[in-house]
Amino acid sequence: MEESRHPFLHLDLPESASSQNTERFSSDGYGRHVSSLTAGLKKRGHGSRSWIKIDKNGDSNILKLDKATIMRHCSLPARDLRLLDPLFIYPSTILGREQAIVVSLEQIRCVITAEEVILMNSLDGCVVQYKSELCKRLQTKRDHAEDLPFEFRALELALELICMSLDAQVKELEREIYPVLDELTASISTLNLERVRRLKGHLLALTQRVQKVRDEIEHLMDDDGDMAEMYLTEKKQRSEAYLLSDICTQTDTSDRAGKVSKSAPVSPMGSSSRAPFLQRAFSSIVSSSKHGSLMGSSDSGENIAQLEMLLEAYFVVIDNTLSKLLSLKEYIDDTEDFINIKLGNVQNQLIQFQLLLTAATFVATIFASVTAVFGMNFADSIFDYPCAFHWVLVITGATCGFLYCSFLYYLRHRKIFPL
C-alpha cells in the first residue's frame, strides 16, 4: 500500500549488482581498496538516503529516495541537490526553480513544492522541530482559510526556526563572552587570553553564518524575478488553466472543422489547397490569444508584495542578530585596544626603569674604574699619605653623583618620563 501511494520509491538493486561485480573484479589488495573507494563514491553520489515527506494536510512519512528520483520528481538539476548533501558544507542558500524551492538553511535542508515538502531526515533538533511544527501548523489550519500558499508557509517556518536558532546562539555567546572580557580587563593572564581567543573564533564563524543568511534574504528581496519564481501554487494553477484552455481550443477546432466539412462541400483540389492555409491562420490566432493570456498572467504574477513582506520581516530579525554580533565584536576590539594600551603602559614603565638602571650602571662603572686604578700595584707618592685615598674616594663619589643627577635632569627635560 505504501509503495503504490509513492510510485517514485527507489530500489537499490543496480547499485548492489555493480558493487558485487567490482568486488569480483578486484584480485589484490590495491584492487580491493579501489573498489571500496569507488563503491563509497557511488554510494555518496547515487545511493538512497532517508527523507521525510510532508504533504499539505500535515501527514508525514519517511522515504528512501536517491538523487535521480528527486530530480525527476521535482524537475531539479543535480547542482541544486548538491546543496542538500550532508557530506558537503555549503553556505545558506534559497533557490527558486520552476516547480520547487531548494532551501539549505543551516541544518534545515529540504525541497519545497506546491504540494509537499521533502525534508532531509536527521536527528538534529532543528530538523525535528521543523517537522513537528510544520505538521502541527498544517493540521491546525487545515479547515481555516490561509493567506499564504503552502510553499510560503513551509519557507516561513524554515526562516523562523533558523532566525530563532541563530539568535539563541548569539545570546548564549553574549552570556559567555562578557564575563570573560571583564575578567581579562581586570587580570591579563594566559588563560584568559586563550579563552577570549577561542570565543572570538566562535564569534567570527557565527558572524559569517548570520551574514550569509542575511545576504541571501536581501538577494531575494532585490530580485523580483527570483521572488516571482517562488510562487509555485500560482504557477501550477496557471499551468492547469493553460492545459484546460488548450484542450478546449482543440475541441472547438475539431468541431468547427467538422461543421465546415459538412456544410460547405468543395472540390478535392480546393480543399486540399485551402486546408493548410486555414489551419495555419487559425493556429496563429490561437497562439496570439494564448500569448496575451500568458502576458496577463505574468503581469499578475509580478505582484510579489506578499512574499516581499514575509522576507522583509525575517530580514529585520536576522539584521538585528547581526547587529548584536557586530556590537559584540566592537566590544572585543575595544577590550583588545584597552589591553594593548595597558601593556604599552607597562612596557613604558619597564623602559623607564631600564634607563634608570643603565644610568646607575654607567656611574657605578666610572667609580669602579677609579678604585681599580688605585688598586693596582705601582709606586706613587700618594700612598705615603694614608688619608689621601679617602679624598680620592670622596671626590670620585661626588662626581659620579653629579653625573647621575645630570642624567635624570636630561631625561626629565626631554620628557622621556616624569620624575
Foldseek 3Di string as FASTA:
>chain_A
DVCVVPVLADDCVVLVVVLVVQVVPDDDDVSVVVSVVVSVVCCQQWNWAWKWKAWLQLDIDIGTHTPVSCCVVQVDDPVLVVLVRPVDDDAWAWFFDQFWIFGRQPQWTWIGGQTMIITHDDPDPLSVCLSVVLSVVSNVCVPPDDPDGPRVVSVLSNLVSSLVVLLVVLVVLVVPQVVLLVVCLVPPDPVSVVVNVVSVVVLVVSLVNLVRVLVNLVVCLVDLVRLLSNPRVLSVVVVVVVVVVVVVLVVVVVVVVVVCVVPPPDDPVVCVVCVVVVVVVVVVVVVVVVVVVVVVSVVVSSPRVVVSVSSVVSSVSSVVSSVSSVVVVVVVVVSVVSVVVVVVVVVLVVVVVVLLVVLLVVLVVQLVVVVVVVVDDDDDPQVVDVCSVVVVNVVSVVVSVVSSVVSVVVCVVVPSDHD
